[in-house]
Amino acid sequence: MRFQLPKSGIDFLLEDKETLNYLSSQRVGMITHQNALTRTYQVSAYALQEKIGSALTCIFSPEHGWSGQIAEGEKVANGFDPHLNIPVFSLYGASSPKELEVDVLIIDLQDVGLRCYTYGATCAQFLDKHSPLDVIICDRPNPLGSAKKGPPLDPAFQSLVGYFDVPFQHGKTLGELLLNHNPNHVIRIMSCQHDHKPYHYPWIPPSPNLPSWEAALLYPALVLLEGTNISEGRGTSFPFTCLGAPGLDQENLLRFLKTHKGIQARPLTFTPQSGKGKGEMCTGAHLLITNYSHLESFELGVKLVAFLKNTYAPFEWIKDEKQNYFIDLLLGGDGFRKDLERTPLVV
């Protein structure tokens, strides 16, 4: 069986002769990275340059950089792409050029359906910072589909991991998130094929720690562990599909996980090479999806955090450099954490 990528916004743009003719006469910038591919597996920026030539003047890269391979949270410097022969300006840790010499901005990034994923917020902050632009968003399917789950954003907790007033799992594409964000810009969306068919086409990792369909589908659950001292698998071969911590009661964890639909869990002992628990032997579990249509990932994550808070004595909430509880920033409010502190959730 031959698997094919779904037709995304960049593919429709590359077929739109009228728009390509217009772009050829403009100064075009692009927020993207090398993991954004066309249906024929070309880097989308390379494919666009083949159509509009020198009109493509620069690239703006989000978290994880132009390569898409830089570790989470690591500041990224400006750079240069020798294939495109144009500069790459980092939107994550470097200073943008003083004058934005761009008439049209094209956005092509794969979002993963959660408010805490930084690509949407990075694009929104860019649009908030710069003068009115002609914006074309090359949309891509939401891998989690249209389901909406989790709390809305409390404006007091707005941050890069909680920027939009949408549910935690928002059910939107990146284009739908950005369309009405800033009325100063003229935003056009190149639509994508919306069929939500996990495993029916190849998963192209949008960031280093979401290497597989399993990681993307379990992300709403295990990303909540980022607000705790429990490893979510960073620094292992199973990021966002495994969890563990030093001295964690493995048998108790496996019994808990056995009660949840859509997954099976196997015992796993691992030593992270980076991230939480680096260099320490962690006991835990590896989650295997058996039926993604039965998987309630966000619900699993909420119950999992409560279970660990109630049963793992060394459990801690992690704070960021500003001493904010990171779980509050992830969920867009402090209600979940405070409820657990007052009354342990029965799981």
C-alpha atoms as a PDB file:
ATOM      1  CA  MET A   1       0.000   0.000   0.000  1.00  0.00           C
ATOM      2  CA  ARG A   2       1.367   3.435  -0.954  1.00  0.00           C
ATOM      3  CA  PHE A   3       0.832   6.142   1.625  1.00  0.00           C
ATOM      4  CA  GLN A   4       0.512   9.730   0.469  1.00  0.00           C
ATOM      5  CA  LEU A   5       0.525  13.001   2.353  1.00  0.00           C
ATOM      6  CA  PRO A   6      -2.818  14.838   2.312  1.00  0.00           C
ATOM      7  CA  LYS A   7      -3.054  17.821   0.008  1.00  0.00           C
ATOM      8  CA  SER A   8      -2.322  20.841   2.184  1.00  0.00           C
ATOM      9  CA  GLY A   9      -2.511  24.576   1.668  1.00  0.00           C
ATOM     10  CA  ILE A  10       0.969  24.833   0.175  1.00  0.00           C
ATOM     11  CA  ASP A  11      -0.017  22.365  -2.556  1.00  0.00           C
ATOM     12  CA  PHE A  12      -3.050  24.445  -3.490  1.00  0.00           C
ATOM     13  CA  LEU A  13      -0.922  27.611  -3.468  1.00  0.00           C
ATOM     14  CA  LEU A  14       1.628  26.064  -5.805  1.00  0.00           C
ATOM     15  CA  GLU A  15      -1.214  25.320  -8.257  1.00  0.00           C
ATOM     16  CA  ASP A  16      -2.743  28.810  -8.062  1.00  0.00           C
ATOM     17  CA  LYS A  17      -1.235  30.669 -11.048  1.00  0.00           C
ATOM     18  CA  GLU A  18      -2.975  33.965 -10.282  1.00  0.00           C
ATOM     19  CA  THR A  19      -1.651  34.078  -6.717  1.00  0.00           C
ATOM     20  CA  LEU A  20       1.826  32.969  -7.815  1.00  0.00           C
ATOM     21  CA  ASN A  21       1.935  35.768 -10.395  1.00  0.00           C
ATOM     22  CA  TYR A  22       0.986  38.243  -7.680  1.00  0.00           C
ATOM     23  CA  LEU A  23       3.623  36.891  -5.282  1.00  0.00           C
ATOM     24  CA  SER A  24       6.297  37.117  -7.982  1.00  0.00           C
ATOM     25  CA  SER A  25       5.974  40.905  -7.907  1.00  0.00           C
ATOM     26  CA  GLN A  26       6.084  41.245  -4.117  1.00  0.00           C
ATOM     27  CA  ARG A  27       8.622  40.904  -1.323  1.00  0.00           C
ATOM     28  CA  VAL A  28       7.621  37.620   0.294  1.00  0.00           C
ATOM     29  CA  GLY A  29       8.593  36.292   3.722  1.00  0.00           C
ATOM     30  CA  MET A  30       7.648  32.901   5.062  1.00  0.00           C
ATOM     31  CA  ILE A  31       7.154  31.569   8.606  1.00  0.00           C
ATOM     32  CA  THR A  32       8.044  27.923   8.217  1.00  0.00           C
ATOM     33  CA  HIS A  33      10.733  25.300   8.680  1.00  0.00           C
ATOM     34  CA  GLN A  34      12.196  22.331   6.848  1.00  0.00           C
ATOM     35  CA  ASN A  35       9.633  19.908   8.273  1.00  0.00           C
ATOM     36  CA  ALA A  36       6.853  21.616   6.299  1.00  0.00           C
ATOM     37  CA  LEU A  37       6.630  19.516   3.142  1.00  0.00           C
ATOM     38  CA  THR A  38       4.535  19.477  -0.007  1.00  0.00           C
ATOM     39  CA  ARG A  39       2.531  16.447  -1.021  1.00  0.00           C
ATOM     40  CA  THR A  40       5.548  15.362  -3.111  1.00  0.00           C
ATOM     41  CA  TYR A  41       7.843  15.638  -0.056  1.00  0.00           C
ATOM     42  CA  GLN A  42       9.610  18.852  -1.117  1.00  0.00           C
ATOM     43  CA  VAL A  43      10.444  21.413   1.550  1.00  0.00           C
ATOM     44  CA  SER A  44       7.634  23.888   0.980  1.00  0.00           C
ATOM     45  CA  ALA A  45       9.918  26.938   0.953  1.00  0.00           C
ATOM     46  CA  TYR A  46      12.078  25.309  -1.724  1.00  0.00           C
ATOM     47  CA  ALA A  47       9.028  24.467  -3.823  1.00  0.00           C
ATOM     48  CA  LEU A  48       7.702  28.013  -3.500  1.00  0.00           C
ATOM     49  CA  GLN A  49      11.024  29.535  -4.548  1.00  0.00           C
ATOM     50  CA  GLU A  50      10.945  27.415  -7.698  1.00  0.00           C
ATOM     51  CA  LYS A  51       7.683  29.184  -8.563  1.00  0.00           C
ATOM     52  CA  ILE A  52       8.369  32.804  -7.527  1.00  0.00           C
ATOM     53  CA  GLY A  53      12.185  33.005  -7.601  1.00  0.00           C
ATOM     54  CA  SER A  54      13.830  35.976  -5.902  1.00  0.00           C
ATOM     55  CA  ALA A  55      10.487  37.300  -4.648  1.00  0.00           C
ATOM     56  CA  LEU A  56      11.017  35.001  -1.648  1.00  0.00           C
ATOM     57  CA  THR A  57      13.328  37.227   0.385  1.00  0.00           C
ATOM     58  CA  CYS A  58      13.541  35.645   3.838  1.00  0.00           C
ATOM     59  CA  ILE A  59      12.449  32.867   6.183  1.00  0.00           C
ATOM     60  CA  PHE A  60      11.198  33.321   9.747  1.00  0.00           C
ATOM     61  CA  SER A  61      11.595  30.207  11.911  1.00  0.00           C
ATOM     62  CA  PRO A  62       9.626  29.256  15.077  1.00  0.00           C
ATOM     63  CA  GLU A  63      10.725  27.243  18.118  1.00  0.00           C
ATOM     64  CA  HIS A  64      13.019  24.365  17.072  1.00  0.00           C
ATOM     65  CA  GLY A  65      14.534  26.515  14.313  1.00  0.00           C
ATOM     66  CA  TRP A  66      14.674  26.310  10.544  1.00  0.00           C
ATOM     67  CA  SER A  67      15.860  22.700  10.805  1.00  0.00           C
ATOM     68  CA  GLY A  68      12.966  21.795  13.110  1.00  0.00           C
ATOM     69  CA  GLN A  69      15.449  19.787  15.179  1.00  0.00           C
ATOM     70  CA  ILE A  70      16.613  22.169  17.911  1.00  0.00           C
ATOM     71  CA  ALA A  71      15.630  21.125  21.436  1.00  0.00           C
ATOM     72  CA  GLU A  72      12.576  22.526  23.185  1.00  0.00           C
ATOM     73  CA  GLY A  73      13.071  25.877  24.887  1.00  0.00           C
ATOM     74  CA  GLU A  74      16.520  26.404  23.349  1.00  0.00           C
ATOM     75  CA  LYS A  75      17.051  29.897  21.981  1.00  0.00           C
ATOM     76  CA  VAL A  76      17.734  29.920  18.244  1.00  0.00           C
ATOM     77  CA  ALA A  77      20.081  32.281  16.428  1.00  0.00           C
ATOM     78  CA  ASN A  78      19.472  33.901  13.053  1.00  0.00           C
ATOM     79  CA  GLY A  79      20.967  32.031  10.124  1.00  0.00           C
ATOM     80  CA  PHE A  80      21.173  31.590   6.372  1.00  0.00           C
ATOM     81  CA  ASP A  81      19.972  28.879   4.013  1.00  0.00           C
ATOM     82  CA  PRO A  82      22.488  28.210   1.203  1.00  0.00           C
ATOM     83  CA  HIS A  83      19.939  26.403  -0.953  1.00  0.00           C
ATOM     84  CA  LEU A  84      17.526  29.339  -0.905  1.00  0.00           C
ATOM     85  CA  ASN A  85      20.364  31.872  -0.652  1.00  0.00           C
ATOM     86  CA  ILE A  86      18.300  33.994   1.756  1.00  0.00           C
ATOM     87  CA  PRO A  87      18.483  34.844   5.473  1.00  0.00           C
ATOM     88  CA  VAL A  88      16.619  32.924   8.165  1.00  0.00           C
ATOM     89  CA  PHE A  89      15.383  35.081  11.043  1.00  0.00           C
ATOM     90  CA  SER A  90      14.605  33.264  14.275  1.00  0.00           C
ATOM     91  CA  LEU A  91      11.373  34.146  16.055  1.00  0.00           C
ATOM     92  CA  TYR A  92      12.494  32.175  19.095  1.00  0.00           C
ATOM     93  CA  GLY A  93      15.357  33.827  20.899  1.00  0.00           C
ATOM     94  CA  ALA A  94      16.909  36.188  18.326  1.00  0.00           C
ATOM     95  CA  SER A  95      16.143  39.786  17.403  1.00  0.00           C
ATOM     96  CA  SER A  96      14.127  40.379  14.240  1.00  0.00           C
ATOM     97  CA  PRO A  97      15.373  42.897  11.649  1.00  0.00           C
ATOM     98  CA  LYS A  98      14.592  46.505  12.584  1.00  0.00           C
ATOM     99  CA  GLU A  99      12.763  47.080   9.324  1.00  0.00           C
ATOM    100  CA  LEU A 100      10.487  44.341   8.060  1.00  0.00           C
ATOM    101  CA  GLU A 101      11.070  44.453   4.324  1.00  0.00           C
ATOM    102  CA  VAL A 102       8.190  42.140   3.481  1.00  0.00           C
ATOM    103  CA  ASP A 103       4.925  42.881   1.656  1.00  0.00           C
ATOM    104  CA  VAL A 104       3.390  39.409   1.887  1.00  0.00           C
ATOM    105  CA  LEU A 105       3.784  36.896   4.695  1.00  0.00           C
ATOM    106  CA  ILE A 106       3.168  33.202   4.022  1.00  0.00           C
ATOM    107  CA  ILE A 107       2.713  30.861   6.983  1.00  0.00           C
ATOM    108  CA  ASP A 108       3.217  27.121   6.563  1.00  0.00           C
ATOM    109  CA  LEU A 109       3.547  25.153   9.799  1.00  0.00           C
ATOM    110  CA  GLN A 110       1.998  21.947  11.145  1.00  0.00           C
ATOM    111  CA  ASP A 111       0.089  22.649  14.352  1.00  0.00           C
ATOM    112  CA  VAL A 112      -0.803  19.736  16.642  1.00  0.00           C
ATOM    113  CA  GLY A 113      -4.141  20.834  18.046  1.00  0.00           C
ATOM    114  CA  LEU A 114      -3.233  22.027  21.542  1.00  0.00           C
ATOM    115  CA  ARG A 115      -3.216  25.611  22.807  1.00  0.00           C
ATOM    116  CA  CYS A 116       0.151  25.033  24.478  1.00  0.00           C
ATOM    117  CA  TYR A 117       1.971  24.237  21.204  1.00  0.00           C
ATOM    118  CA  THR A 118       3.976  27.364  20.460  1.00  0.00           C
ATOM    119  CA  TYR A 119       3.740  27.693  16.677  1.00  0.00           C
ATOM    120  CA  GLY A 120       0.356  29.423  16.649  1.00  0.00           C
ATOM    121  CA  ALA A 121       1.348  31.839  19.404  1.00  0.00           C
ATOM    122  CA  THR A 122       4.611  32.641  17.612  1.00  0.00           C
ATOM    123  CA  CYS A 123       2.712  33.530  14.431  1.00  0.00           C
ATOM    124  CA  ALA A 124       0.159  35.598  16.371  1.00  0.00           C
ATOM    125  CA  GLN A 125       2.861  37.558  18.192  1.00  0.00           C
ATOM    126  CA  PHE A 126       4.584  38.260  14.869  1.00  0.00           C
ATOM    127  CA  LEU A 127       1.330  39.617  13.434  1.00  0.00           C
ATOM    128  CA  ASP A 128       0.758  41.701  16.571  1.00  0.00           C
ATOM    129  CA  LYS A 129       4.223  43.239  16.310  1.00  0.00           C
ATOM    130  CA  HIS A 130       4.295  44.253  12.655  1.00  0.00           C
ATOM    131  CA  SER A 131       2.413  46.688  10.452  1.00  0.00           C
ATOM    132  CA  PRO A 132      -0.504  45.515   8.315  1.00  0.00           C
ATOM    133  CA  LEU A 133       0.526  42.719   6.001  1.00  0.00           C
ATOM    134  CA  ASP A 134      -1.008  40.618   3.294  1.00  0.00           C
ATOM    135  CA  VAL A 135      -0.993  37.183   4.960  1.00  0.00           C
ATOM    136  CA  ILE A 136      -1.485  33.820   3.275  1.00  0.00           C
ATOM    137  CA  ILE A 137      -1.815  30.833   5.620  1.00  0.00           C
ATOM    138  CA  CYS A 138      -1.128  27.484   3.988  1.00  0.00           C
ATOM    139  CA  ASP A 139      -3.289  25.326   6.208  1.00  0.00           C
ATOM    140  CA  ARG A 140      -2.670  21.753   7.339  1.00  0.00           C
ATOM    141  CA  PRO A 141      -5.005  19.222   9.013  1.00  0.00           C
ATOM    142  CA  ASN A 142      -5.346  19.151  12.779  1.00  0.00           C
ATOM    143  CA  PRO A 143      -4.019  15.684  13.753  1.00  0.00           C
ATOM    144  CA  LEU A 144      -6.402  15.581  16.732  1.00  0.00           C
ATOM    145  CA  GLY A 145      -9.464  16.388  14.641  1.00  0.00           C
ATOM    146  CA  SER A 146     -12.213  18.869  15.513  1.00  0.00           C
ATOM    147  CA  ALA A 147     -12.946  17.753  19.095  1.00  0.00           C
ATOM    148  CA  LYS A 148     -12.686  20.479  21.741  1.00  0.00           C
ATOM    149  CA  LYS A 149     -11.566  19.478  25.228  1.00  0.00           C
ATOM    150  CA  GLY A 150     -10.227  21.129  28.338  1.00  0.00           C
ATOM    151  CA  PRO A 151     -10.559  24.540  29.942  1.00  0.00           C
ATOM    152  CA  PRO A 152     -10.610  27.929  28.205  1.00  0.00           C
ATOM    153  CA  LEU A 153      -7.806  30.431  28.785  1.00  0.00           C
ATOM    154  CA  ASP A 154      -7.915  32.694  31.833  1.00  0.00           C
ATOM    155  CA  PRO A 155      -6.427  35.961  30.462  1.00  0.00           C
ATOM    156  CA  ALA A 156      -4.373  36.319  33.655  1.00  0.00           C
ATOM    157  CA  PHE A 157      -2.387  33.242  32.555  1.00  0.00           C
ATOM    158  CA  GLN A 158      -1.711  34.231  28.960  1.00  0.00           C
ATOM    159  CA  SER A 159       1.755  33.158  27.796  1.00  0.00           C
ATOM    160  CA  LEU A 160       3.491  31.621  24.806  1.00  0.00           C
ATOM    161  CA  VAL A 161       1.993  28.250  25.818  1.00  0.00           C
ATOM    162  CA  GLY A 162      -1.439  29.798  26.369  1.00  0.00           C
ATOM    163  CA  TYR A 163      -2.047  32.622  23.923  1.00  0.00           C
ATOM    164  CA  PHE A 164      -5.468  32.058  22.351  1.00  0.00           C
ATOM    165  CA  ASP A 165      -8.864  32.136  24.050  1.00  0.00           C
ATOM    166  CA  VAL A 166      -9.746  28.611  22.951  1.00  0.00           C
ATOM    167  CA  PRO A 167     -10.087  25.278  24.794  1.00  0.00           C
ATOM    168  CA  PHE A 168      -6.866  23.455  25.659  1.00  0.00           C
ATOM    169  CA  GLN A 169      -7.544  21.035  22.800  1.00  0.00           C
ATOM    170  CA  HIS A 170      -9.008  23.542  20.393  1.00  0.00           C
ATOM    171  CA  GLY A 171     -10.179  21.520  17.396  1.00  0.00           C
ATOM    172  CA  LYS A 172      -8.983  24.150  14.915  1.00  0.00           C
ATOM    173  CA  THR A 173      -6.392  24.348  12.179  1.00  0.00           C
ATOM    174  CA  LEU A 174      -3.642  26.942  12.414  1.00  0.00           C
ATOM    175  CA  GLY A 175      -5.456  29.061   9.843  1.00  0.00           C
ATOM    176  CA  GLU A 176      -8.662  28.960  11.868  1.00  0.00           C
ATOM    177  CA  LEU A 177      -6.738  29.988  14.995  1.00  0.00           C
ATOM    178  CA  LEU A 178      -5.167  32.997  13.279  1.00  0.00           C
ATOM    179  CA  LEU A 179      -7.951  34.134  10.952  1.00  0.00           C
ATOM    180  CA  ASN A 180      -9.649  36.576  13.330  1.00  0.00           C
ATOM    181  CA  HIS A 181      -6.745  37.186  15.664  1.00  0.00           C
ATOM    182  CA  ASN A 182      -5.630  40.574  14.300  1.00  0.00           C
ATOM    183  CA  PRO A 183      -8.003  42.590  12.052  1.00  0.00           C
ATOM    184  CA  ASN A 184      -5.148  44.869  10.913  1.00  0.00           C
ATOM    185  CA  HIS A 185      -3.952  42.200   8.484  1.00  0.00           C
ATOM    186  CA  VAL A 186      -5.602  40.882   5.344  1.00  0.00           C
ATOM    187  CA  ILE A 187      -5.548  37.115   5.968  1.00  0.00           C
ATOM    188  CA  ARG A 188      -6.284  34.550   3.294  1.00  0.00           C
ATOM    189  CA  ILE A 189      -6.332  30.828   4.000  1.00  0.00           C
ATOM    190  CA  MET A 190      -5.276  28.241   1.461  1.00  0.00           C
ATOM    191  CA  SER A 191      -7.401  25.379   2.728  1.00  0.00           C
ATOM    192  CA  CYS A 192      -6.292  21.788   3.220  1.00  0.00           C
ATOM    193  CA  GLN A 193      -7.921  18.405   3.001  1.00  0.00           C
ATOM    194  CA  HIS A 194      -9.611  18.055   6.383  1.00  0.00           C
ATOM    195  CA  ASP A 195      -9.991  14.296   6.486  1.00  0.00           C
ATOM    196  CA  HIS A 196      -8.984  13.231   9.997  1.00  0.00           C
ATOM    197  CA  LYS A 197      -7.348   9.885   9.358  1.00  0.00           C
ATOM    198  CA  PRO A 198      -4.504   9.127  11.773  1.00  0.00           C
ATOM    199  CA  TYR A 199      -2.118   6.467  10.453  1.00  0.00           C
ATOM    200  CA  HIS A 200      -3.577   6.778   6.929  1.00  0.00           C
ATOM    201  CA  TYR A 201      -0.712   8.999   5.811  1.00  0.00           C
ATOM    202  CA  PRO A 202       2.906   9.480   6.918  1.00  0.00           C
ATOM    203  CA  TRP A 203       3.499  11.576  10.013  1.00  0.00           C
ATOM    204  CA  ILE A 204       6.136  14.258   9.377  1.00  0.00           C
ATOM    205  CA  PRO A 205       7.428  15.326  12.827  1.00  0.00           C
ATOM    206  CA  PRO A 206       6.781  19.061  13.338  1.00  0.00           C
ATOM    207  CA  SER A 207       9.190  19.097  16.291  1.00  0.00           C
ATOM    208  CA  PRO A 208      11.845  16.724  17.678  1.00  0.00           C
ATOM    209  CA  ASN A 209       9.776  15.119  20.426  1.00  0.00           C
ATOM    210  CA  LEU A 210       6.693  14.315  18.355  1.00  0.00           C
ATOM    211  CA  PRO A 211       8.260  11.698  16.081  1.00  0.00           C
ATOM    212  CA  SER A 212       5.209   9.502  15.485  1.00  0.00           C
ATOM    213  CA  TRP A 213       1.439   9.369  15.243  1.00  0.00           C
ATOM    214  CA  GLU A 214       1.411   7.752  18.697  1.00  0.00           C
ATOM    215  CA  ALA A 215       3.259  10.718  20.217  1.00  0.00           C
ATOM    216  CA  ALA A 216       0.908  13.210  18.556  1.00  0.00           C
ATOM    217  CA  LEU A 217      -2.249  11.392  19.677  1.00  0.00           C
ATOM    218  CA  LEU A 218      -0.975  10.935  23.254  1.00  0.00           C
ATOM    219  CA  TYR A 219       0.360  14.496  23.443  1.00  0.00           C
ATOM    220  CA  PRO A 220      -2.817  15.903  25.096  1.00  0.00           C
ATOM    221  CA  ALA A 221      -2.243  13.455  27.949  1.00  0.00           C
ATOM    222  CA  LEU A 222       1.492  13.402  28.511  1.00  0.00           C
ATOM    223  CA  VAL A 223       2.185  17.086  27.853  1.00  0.00           C
ATOM    224  CA  LEU A 224       0.550  17.776  31.223  1.00  0.00           C
ATOM    225  CA  LEU A 225       3.494  15.991  32.853  1.00  0.00           C
ATOM    226  CA  GLU A 226       5.634  18.947  31.761  1.00  0.00           C
ATOM    227  CA  GLY A 227       4.110  20.751  34.725  1.00  0.00           C
ATOM    228  CA  THR A 228       5.435  18.081  37.106  1.00  0.00           C
ATOM    229  CA  ASN A 229       8.695  16.356  37.998  1.00  0.00           C
ATOM    230  CA  ILE A 230       7.547  13.166  36.200  1.00  0.00           C
ATOM    231  CA  SER A 231       9.331  12.427  32.917  1.00  0.00           C
ATOM    232  CA  GLU A 232       7.172  12.547  29.779  1.00  0.00           C
ATOM    233  CA  GLY A 233       9.865  10.659  27.874  1.00  0.00           C
ATOM    234  CA  ARG A 234      12.033  13.476  26.588  1.00  0.00           C
ATOM    235  CA  GLY A 235      15.566  12.230  26.117  1.00  0.00           C
ATOM    236  CA  THR A 236      14.392   8.685  25.351  1.00  0.00           C
ATOM    237  CA  SER A 237      13.318   6.748  22.270  1.00  0.00           C
ATOM    238  CA  PHE A 238       9.668   7.170  23.317  1.00  0.00           C
ATOM    239  CA  PRO A 239       8.963  10.889  23.877  1.00  0.00           C
ATOM    240  CA  PHE A 240       5.322  11.550  24.789  1.00  0.00           C
ATOM    241  CA  THR A 241       4.520   7.845  24.687  1.00  0.00           C
ATOM    242  CA  CYS A 242       6.209   6.876  27.947  1.00  0.00           C
ATOM    243  CA  LEU A 243       6.396   8.210  31.478  1.00  0.00           C
ATOM    244  CA  GLY A 244       8.291   7.466  34.632  1.00  0.00           C
ATOM    245  CA  ALA A 245      10.341   8.714  37.549  1.00  0.00           C
ATOM    246  CA  PRO A 246      12.946   7.367  39.969  1.00  0.00           C
ATOM    247  CA  GLY A 247      11.296   5.039  42.473  1.00  0.00           C
ATOM    248  CA  LEU A 248       7.839   5.197  40.865  1.00  0.00           C
ATOM    249  CA  ASP A 249       5.628   2.201  41.780  1.00  0.00           C
ATOM    250  CA  GLN A 250       5.473   0.557  38.380  1.00  0.00           C
ATOM    251  CA  GLU A 251       2.905  -2.109  39.192  1.00  0.00           C
ATOM    252  CA  ASN A 252       0.531   0.447  40.680  1.00  0.00           C
ATOM    253  CA  LEU A 253       0.917   2.659  37.582  1.00  0.00           C
ATOM    254  CA  LEU A 254       0.227  -0.263  35.234  1.00  0.00           C
ATOM    255  CA  ARG A 255      -2.922  -1.185  37.180  1.00  0.00           C
ATOM    256  CA  PHE A 256      -4.140   2.392  36.840  1.00  0.00           C
ATOM    257  CA  LEU A 257      -3.412   2.563  33.117  1.00  0.00           C
ATOM    258  CA  LYS A 258      -5.151  -0.763  32.497  1.00  0.00           C
ATOM    259  CA  THR A 259      -8.511   0.875  33.260  1.00  0.00           C
ATOM    260  CA  HIS A 260      -8.296   3.295  30.316  1.00  0.00           C
ATOM    261  CA  LYS A 261      -9.717   2.569  26.872  1.00  0.00           C
ATOM    262  CA  GLY A 262      -7.742   2.705  23.663  1.00  0.00           C
ATOM    263  CA  ILE A 263      -4.326   1.923  25.159  1.00  0.00           C
ATOM    264  CA  GLN A 264      -2.223  -0.878  26.519  1.00  0.00           C
ATOM    265  CA  ALA A 265       0.745  -0.211  28.783  1.00  0.00           C
ATOM    266  CA  ARG A 266       3.920  -2.220  29.144  1.00  0.00           C
ATOM    267  CA  PRO A 267       6.478  -1.859  31.939  1.00  0.00           C
ATOM    268  CA  LEU A 268       9.450   0.280  30.992  1.00  0.00           C
ATOM    269  CA  THR A 269      12.645   1.207  32.784  1.00  0.00           C
ATOM    270  CA  PHE A 270      14.613   4.000  31.138  1.00  0.00           C
ATOM    271  CA  THR A 271      17.355   6.558  31.738  1.00  0.00           C
ATOM    272  CA  PRO A 272      16.681   9.896  29.995  1.00  0.00           C
ATOM    273  CA  GLN A 273      19.647  11.387  28.179  1.00  0.00           C
ATOM    274  CA  SER A 274      18.180  14.877  28.515  1.00  0.00           C
ATOM    275  CA  GLY A 275      15.299  16.617  30.252  1.00  0.00           C
ATOM    276  CA  LYS A 276      13.817  15.578  33.570  1.00  0.00           C
ATOM    277  CA  GLY A 277      15.529  12.627  35.218  1.00  0.00           C
ATOM    278  CA  LYS A 278      18.611  12.989  33.027  1.00  0.00           C
ATOM    279  CA  GLY A 279      21.080  10.233  33.933  1.00  0.00           C
ATOM    280  CA  GLU A 280      18.693   8.681  36.475  1.00  0.00           C
ATOM    281  CA  MET A 281      17.002   5.316  36.159  1.00  0.00           C
ATOM    282  CA  CYS A 282      13.251   5.847  35.920  1.00  0.00           C
ATOM    283  CA  THR A 283      10.568   3.207  36.359  1.00  0.00           C
ATOM    284  CA  GLY A 284       7.335   3.665  34.506  1.00  0.00           C
ATOM    285  CA  ALA A 285       5.380   2.578  31.461  1.00  0.00           C
ATOM    286  CA  HIS A 286       5.297   2.763  27.688  1.00  0.00           C
ATOM    287  CA  LEU A 287       1.833   3.487  26.259  1.00  0.00           C
ATOM    288  CA  LEU A 288       0.701   1.679  23.112  1.00  0.00           C
ATOM    289  CA  ILE A 289      -2.407   2.869  21.278  1.00  0.00           C
ATOM    290  CA  THR A 290      -4.727  -0.033  20.459  1.00  0.00           C
ATOM    291  CA  ASN A 291      -7.730   1.982  19.242  1.00  0.00           C
ATOM    292  CA  TYR A 292      -7.288   5.711  18.658  1.00  0.00           C
ATOM    293  CA  SER A 293     -11.055   6.240  18.212  1.00  0.00           C
ATOM    294  CA  HIS A 294     -11.583   5.058  21.822  1.00  0.00           C
ATOM    295  CA  LEU A 295      -8.673   7.050  23.247  1.00  0.00           C
ATOM    296  CA  GLU A 296      -9.676  10.007  25.432  1.00  0.00           C
ATOM    297  CA  SER A 297      -6.227  11.498  25.643  1.00  0.00           C
ATOM    298  CA  PHE A 298      -6.888  14.729  27.548  1.00  0.00           C
ATOM    299  CA  GLU A 299      -9.071  12.931  30.098  1.00  0.00           C
ATOM    300  CA  LEU A 300      -6.301  10.356  30.537  1.00  0.00           C
ATOM    301  CA  GLY A 301      -3.792  13.144  31.153  1.00  0.00           C
ATOM    302  CA  VAL A 302      -5.889  14.855  33.819  1.00  0.00           C
ATOM    303  CA  LYS A 303      -6.508  11.581  35.653  1.00  0.00           C
ATOM    304  CA  LEU A 304      -2.877  10.541  35.278  1.00  0.00           C
ATOM    305  CA  VAL A 305      -1.572  13.730  36.893  1.00  0.00           C
ATOM    306  CA  ALA A 306      -4.077  13.328  39.732  1.00  0.00           C
ATOM    307  CA  PHE A 307      -3.052   9.692  40.201  1.00  0.00           C
ATOM    308  CA  LEU A 308       0.634  10.582  40.362  1.00  0.00           C
ATOM    309  CA  LYS A 309      -0.026  13.499  42.721  1.00  0.00           C
ATOM    310  CA  ASN A 310      -1.898  11.148  45.051  1.00  0.00           C
ATOM    311  CA  THR A 311       0.447   8.145  44.910  1.00  0.00           C
ATOM    312  CA  TYR A 312       4.016   9.300  44.200  1.00  0.00           C
ATOM    313  CA  ALA A 313       5.483  10.787  47.366  1.00  0.00           C
ATOM    314  CA  PRO A 314       8.249  12.843  45.666  1.00  0.00           C
ATOM    315  CA  PHE A 315       5.686  14.439  43.283  1.00  0.00           C
ATOM    316  CA  GLU A 316       6.301  18.148  42.669  1.00  0.00           C
ATOM    317  CA  TRP A 317       4.807  20.904  40.558  1.00  0.00           C
ATOM    318  CA  ILE A 318       7.460  22.561  38.391  1.00  0.00           C
ATOM    319  CA  LYS A 319       7.828  26.351  38.236  1.00  0.00           C
ATOM    320  CA  ASP A 320       9.238  28.422  35.384  1.00  0.00           C
ATOM    321  CA  GLU A 321      11.944  31.079  35.659  1.00  0.00           C
ATOM    322  CA  LYS A 322       9.313  33.620  36.782  1.00  0.00           C
ATOM    323  CA  GLN A 323       8.099  31.238  39.507  1.00  0.00           C
ATOM    324  CA  ASN A 324       4.824  30.507  37.746  1.00  0.00           C
ATOM    325  CA  TYR A 325       3.491  26.989  38.110  1.00  0.00           C
ATOM    326  CA  PHE A 326       3.983  25.583  34.633  1.00  0.00           C
ATOM    327  CA  ILE A 327       0.853  23.402  34.883  1.00  0.00           C
ATOM    328  CA  ASP A 328      -1.148  26.624  35.297  1.00  0.00           C
ATOM    329  CA  LEU A 329       0.375  28.076  32.129  1.00  0.00           C
ATOM    330  CA  LEU A 330      -0.235  24.849  30.209  1.00  0.00           C
ATOM    331  CA  LEU A 331      -3.898  24.643  31.241  1.00  0.00           C
ATOM    332  CA  GLY A 332      -4.454  28.400  31.117  1.00  0.00           C
ATOM    333  CA  GLY A 333      -5.502  28.731  34.751  1.00  0.00           C
ATOM    334  CA  ASP A 334      -4.787  27.518  38.285  1.00  0.00           C
ATOM    335  CA  GLY A 335      -8.081  25.771  39.007  1.00  0.00           C
ATOM    336  CA  PHE A 336      -6.896  22.220  38.311  1.00  0.00           C
ATOM    337  CA  ARG A 337      -3.797  22.507  40.509  1.00  0.00           C
ATOM    338  CA  LYS A 338      -5.630  24.212  43.372  1.00  0.00           C
ATOM    339  CA  ASP A 339      -8.461  21.689  43.289  1.00  0.00           C
ATOM    340  CA  LEU A 340      -5.930  18.867  43.547  1.00  0.00           C
ATOM    341  CA  GLU A 341      -4.167  20.584  46.433  1.00  0.00           C
ATOM    342  CA  ARG A 342      -7.447  21.008  48.322  1.00  0.00           C
ATOM    343  CA  THR A 343      -9.107  17.696  47.548  1.00  0.00           C
ATOM    344  CA  PRO A 344      -7.223  14.846  45.900  1.00  0.00           C
ATOM    345  CA  LEU A 345      -9.134  13.702  42.826  1.00  0.00           C
ATOM    346  CA  VAL A 346     -10.516  10.171  43.097  1.00  0.00           C
ATOM    347  CA  VAL A 347      -9.068   8.140  40.221  1.00  0.00           C
END
